[in-house]
Amino acid sequence: MKRLVLAVALVFGSLSVAPVASAQAAQAALSTEQTEQRITLETAQDLLAYGRAKGDALAIIAAVRMMTTVQTQILGADGQPIDLGAVLDEAAGMAGDDANLLAMIDEIRPAAEAQYRGGCVWAWQCYWNGWCEYAWLCY
């Protein structure tokens, strides 16, 4: 009798765990992608700050290239979208007459300008229960 009760408990226990496990796996996959994009954005923003501080056009170009790989509209410290085309104009001013840097800027300009027109952003989101997270929001 004890074995029968144990077998029934295991069957019902495994049925209730299966949906939870699949939901957790889907959340983990989504979380991994979001984490990768968040880290890419943080690195790109650090590289952009470095490029501006040192007057390094190549660092700015690399930062913009990284930002265009993320599927979101990027917000600045003021909460407004960063115009990556304007950032590339800034890099072009620093590049001067360097034909290689200007060619790199022309190569990534279409992707940078398309990024500025996006409808989704990474933003700090807080919920009713006090839980806050850096979340992907589409408007």
C-alpha atoms as a PDB file:
ATOM      1  CA  MET A   1       0.000   0.000   0.000  1.00  0.00           C
ATOM      2  CA  LYS A   2       2.829   2.343   0.844  1.00  0.00           C
ATOM      3  CA  ARG A   3       4.387   1.718  -2.584  1.00  0.00           C
ATOM      4  CA  LEU A   4       1.112   2.512  -4.331  1.00  0.00           C
ATOM      5  CA  VAL A   5       0.738   5.789  -2.438  1.00  0.00           C
ATOM      6  CA  LEU A   6       4.362   6.665  -3.193  1.00  0.00           C
ATOM      7  CA  ALA A   7       3.936   5.859  -6.904  1.00  0.00           C
ATOM      8  CA  VAL A   8       0.782   8.006  -7.130  1.00  0.00           C
ATOM      9  CA  ALA A   9       2.543  10.875  -5.338  1.00  0.00           C
ATOM     10  CA  LEU A  10       5.492  10.676  -7.718  1.00  0.00           C
ATOM     11  CA  VAL A  11       3.240  10.674 -10.790  1.00  0.00           C
ATOM     12  CA  PHE A  12       1.290  13.726  -9.655  1.00  0.00           C
ATOM     13  CA  GLY A  13       4.461  15.434  -8.481  1.00  0.00           C
ATOM     14  CA  SER A  14       6.159  14.988 -11.851  1.00  0.00           C
ATOM     15  CA  LEU A  15       3.077  16.266 -13.696  1.00  0.00           C
ATOM     16  CA  SER A  16       3.057  19.483 -11.701  1.00  0.00           C
ATOM     17  CA  VAL A  17       6.819  20.056 -12.109  1.00  0.00           C
ATOM     18  CA  ALA A  18       6.956  19.626 -15.914  1.00  0.00           C
ATOM     19  CA  PRO A  19       5.211  22.930 -16.836  1.00  0.00           C
ATOM     20  CA  VAL A  20       7.242  24.826 -14.261  1.00  0.00           C
ATOM     21  CA  ALA A  21      10.500  23.384 -15.594  1.00  0.00           C
ATOM     22  CA  SER A  22       9.662  24.289 -19.199  1.00  0.00           C
ATOM     23  CA  ALA A  23       8.652  27.815 -18.181  1.00  0.00           C
ATOM     24  CA  GLN A  24      11.895  28.208 -16.251  1.00  0.00           C
ATOM     25  CA  ALA A  25      13.903  26.966 -19.251  1.00  0.00           C
ATOM     26  CA  ALA A  26      12.186  29.494 -21.541  1.00  0.00           C
ATOM     27  CA  GLN A  27      12.820  32.273 -19.015  1.00  0.00           C
ATOM     28  CA  ALA A  28      16.467  31.244 -18.692  1.00  0.00           C
ATOM     29  CA  ALA A  29      16.937  31.349 -22.480  1.00  0.00           C
ATOM     30  CA  LEU A  30      15.315  34.769 -22.677  1.00  0.00           C
ATOM     31  CA  SER A  31      17.300  35.967 -19.709  1.00  0.00           C
ATOM     32  CA  THR A  32      20.560  34.813 -21.301  1.00  0.00           C
ATOM     33  CA  GLU A  33      19.837  36.760 -24.492  1.00  0.00           C
ATOM     34  CA  GLN A  34      18.815  39.848 -22.539  1.00  0.00           C
ATOM     35  CA  THR A  35      21.902  39.605 -20.346  1.00  0.00           C
ATOM     36  CA  GLU A  36      24.161  39.354 -23.391  1.00  0.00           C
ATOM     37  CA  GLN A  37      22.546  42.424 -24.960  1.00  0.00           C
ATOM     38  CA  ARG A  38      22.739  44.375 -21.707  1.00  0.00           C
ATOM     39  CA  ILE A  39      26.445  43.586 -21.336  1.00  0.00           C
ATOM     40  CA  THR A  40      27.061  44.576 -24.964  1.00  0.00           C
ATOM     41  CA  LEU A  41      25.341  47.917 -24.349  1.00  0.00           C
ATOM     42  CA  GLU A  42      27.284  48.573 -21.162  1.00  0.00           C
ATOM     43  CA  THR A  43      30.582  47.811 -22.899  1.00  0.00           C
ATOM     44  CA  ALA A  44      29.655  49.970 -25.885  1.00  0.00           C
ATOM     45  CA  GLN A  45      28.720  52.897 -23.640  1.00  0.00           C
ATOM     46  CA  ASP A  46      32.034  52.593 -21.794  1.00  0.00           C
ATOM     47  CA  LEU A  47      33.897  52.486 -25.113  1.00  0.00           C
ATOM     48  CA  LEU A  48      31.952  55.525 -26.344  1.00  0.00           C
ATOM     49  CA  ALA A  49      32.873  57.452 -23.198  1.00  0.00           C
ATOM     50  CA  TYR A  50      36.519  56.464 -23.660  1.00  0.00           C
ATOM     51  CA  GLY A  51      36.494  57.545 -27.315  1.00  0.00           C
ATOM     52  CA  ARG A  52      35.015  60.914 -26.445  1.00  0.00           C
ATOM     53  CA  ALA A  53      37.441  61.477 -23.576  1.00  0.00           C
ATOM     54  CA  LYS A  54      40.532  60.554 -25.602  1.00  0.00           C
ATOM     55  CA  GLY A  55      39.384  61.925 -28.966  1.00  0.00           C
ATOM     56  CA  ASP A  56      39.638  58.414 -30.454  1.00  0.00           C
ATOM     57  CA  ALA A  57      37.403  58.091 -33.524  1.00  0.00           C
ATOM     58  CA  LEU A  58      38.069  54.356 -33.849  1.00  0.00           C
ATOM     59  CA  ALA A  59      36.780  53.695 -30.314  1.00  0.00           C
ATOM     60  CA  ILE A  60      33.609  55.653 -31.096  1.00  0.00           C
ATOM     61  CA  ILE A  61      33.112  53.738 -34.345  1.00  0.00           C
ATOM     62  CA  ALA A  62      33.564  50.432 -32.499  1.00  0.00           C
ATOM     63  CA  ALA A  63      31.049  51.514 -29.845  1.00  0.00           C
ATOM     64  CA  VAL A  64      28.461  52.441 -32.471  1.00  0.00           C
ATOM     65  CA  ARG A  65      29.031  49.133 -34.272  1.00  0.00           C
ATOM     66  CA  MET A  66      28.388  47.288 -30.995  1.00  0.00           C
ATOM     67  CA  MET A  67      25.255  49.337 -30.340  1.00  0.00           C
ATOM     68  CA  THR A  68      23.829  48.471 -33.751  1.00  0.00           C
ATOM     69  CA  THR A  69      24.042  44.742 -32.962  1.00  0.00           C
ATOM     70  CA  VAL A  70      21.564  45.125 -30.098  1.00  0.00           C
ATOM     71  CA  GLN A  71      17.906  45.027 -31.066  1.00  0.00           C
ATOM     72  CA  THR A  72      16.784  48.087 -29.150  1.00  0.00           C
ATOM     73  CA  GLN A  73      16.700  51.832 -29.155  1.00  0.00           C
ATOM     74  CA  ILE A  74      19.486  53.024 -26.867  1.00  0.00           C
ATOM     75  CA  LEU A  75      18.768  55.661 -24.249  1.00  0.00           C
ATOM     76  CA  GLY A  76      21.293  58.152 -22.962  1.00  0.00           C
ATOM     77  CA  ALA A  77      21.715  59.323 -19.386  1.00  0.00           C
ATOM     78  CA  ASP A  78      18.958  61.901 -19.910  1.00  0.00           C
ATOM     79  CA  GLY A  79      16.445  59.225 -20.929  1.00  0.00           C
ATOM     80  CA  GLN A  80      16.338  60.361 -24.551  1.00  0.00           C
ATOM     81  CA  PRO A  81      17.320  58.048 -27.440  1.00  0.00           C
ATOM     82  CA  ILE A  82      20.931  58.362 -28.548  1.00  0.00           C
ATOM     83  CA  ASP A  83      21.173  59.453 -32.179  1.00  0.00           C
ATOM     84  CA  LEU A  84      23.896  57.137 -33.423  1.00  0.00           C
ATOM     85  CA  GLY A  85      24.104  59.092 -36.694  1.00  0.00           C
ATOM     86  CA  ALA A  86      25.097  62.182 -34.714  1.00  0.00           C
ATOM     87  CA  VAL A  87      27.650  60.119 -32.788  1.00  0.00           C
ATOM     88  CA  LEU A  88      29.123  59.007 -36.128  1.00  0.00           C
ATOM     89  CA  ASP A  89      29.248  62.657 -37.233  1.00  0.00           C
ATOM     90  CA  GLU A  90      31.256  63.334 -34.078  1.00  0.00           C
ATOM     91  CA  ALA A  91      33.627  60.474 -34.977  1.00  0.00           C
ATOM     92  CA  ALA A  92      33.960  61.819 -38.537  1.00  0.00           C
ATOM     93  CA  GLY A  93      35.048  65.156 -37.110  1.00  0.00           C
ATOM     94  CA  MET A  94      37.709  63.412 -35.034  1.00  0.00           C
ATOM     95  CA  ALA A  95      38.828  61.260 -37.988  1.00  0.00           C
ATOM     96  CA  GLY A  96      39.821  64.280 -40.049  1.00  0.00           C
ATOM     97  CA  ASP A  97      41.192  63.135 -43.418  1.00  0.00           C
ATOM     98  CA  ASP A  98      41.726  59.460 -42.498  1.00  0.00           C
ATOM     99  CA  ALA A  99      40.090  57.673 -45.451  1.00  0.00           C
ATOM    100  CA  ASN A 100      39.932  54.316 -43.634  1.00  0.00           C
ATOM    101  CA  LEU A 101      38.003  55.704 -40.666  1.00  0.00           C
ATOM    102  CA  LEU A 102      35.664  57.657 -42.942  1.00  0.00           C
ATOM    103  CA  ALA A 103      34.981  54.490 -44.965  1.00  0.00           C
ATOM    104  CA  MET A 104      34.166  52.605 -41.744  1.00  0.00           C
ATOM    105  CA  ILE A 105      31.783  55.375 -40.733  1.00  0.00           C
ATOM    106  CA  ASP A 106      30.029  55.265 -44.116  1.00  0.00           C
ATOM    107  CA  GLU A 107      29.742  51.480 -43.842  1.00  0.00           C
ATOM    108  CA  ILE A 108      27.869  51.453 -40.515  1.00  0.00           C
ATOM    109  CA  ARG A 109      25.862  54.672 -40.946  1.00  0.00           C
ATOM    110  CA  PRO A 110      22.709  52.973 -42.405  1.00  0.00           C
ATOM    111  CA  ALA A 111      22.491  50.536 -39.492  1.00  0.00           C
ATOM    112  CA  ALA A 112      23.148  53.316 -36.972  1.00  0.00           C
ATOM    113  CA  GLU A 113      20.424  55.560 -38.356  1.00  0.00           C
ATOM    114  CA  ALA A 114      17.944  52.664 -38.492  1.00  0.00           C
ATOM    115  CA  GLN A 115      18.722  51.919 -34.830  1.00  0.00           C
ATOM    116  CA  TYR A 116      17.670  55.445 -33.826  1.00  0.00           C
ATOM    117  CA  ARG A 117      14.177  54.885 -35.188  1.00  0.00           C
ATOM    118  CA  GLY A 118      13.505  51.733 -33.124  1.00  0.00           C
ATOM    119  CA  GLY A 119      10.449  51.280 -30.940  1.00  0.00           C
ATOM    120  CA  CYS A 120      11.929  49.204 -28.116  1.00  0.00           C
ATOM    121  CA  VAL A 121      14.255  50.235 -25.316  1.00  0.00           C
ATOM    122  CA  TRP A 122      16.136  48.796 -22.357  1.00  0.00           C
ATOM    123  CA  ALA A 123      14.780  50.583 -19.311  1.00  0.00           C
ATOM    124  CA  TRP A 124      14.714  50.211 -15.546  1.00  0.00           C
ATOM    125  CA  GLN A 125      11.281  48.764 -14.761  1.00  0.00           C
ATOM    126  CA  CYS A 126       9.760  48.484 -11.279  1.00  0.00           C
ATOM    127  CA  TYR A 127       6.676  46.436 -10.480  1.00  0.00           C
ATOM    128  CA  TRP A 128       3.943  46.674  -7.847  1.00  0.00           C
ATOM    129  CA  ASN A 129       5.689  44.300  -5.435  1.00  0.00           C
ATOM    130  CA  GLY A 130       8.915  46.314  -5.270  1.00  0.00           C
ATOM    131  CA  TRP A 131      10.811  44.116  -7.719  1.00  0.00           C
ATOM    132  CA  CYS A 132      12.876  46.133 -10.226  1.00  0.00           C
ATOM    133  CA  GLU A 133      14.874  44.973 -13.222  1.00  0.00           C
ATOM    134  CA  TYR A 134      16.512  46.207 -16.407  1.00  0.00           C
ATOM    135  CA  ALA A 135      13.831  45.144 -18.908  1.00  0.00           C
ATOM    136  CA  TRP A 136      13.162  45.171 -22.652  1.00  0.00           C
ATOM    137  CA  LEU A 137      10.208  47.504 -23.291  1.00  0.00           C
ATOM    138  CA  CYS A 138       8.550  48.090 -26.651  1.00  0.00           C
ATOM    139  CA  TYR A 139       6.302  51.074 -27.273  1.00  0.00           C
END
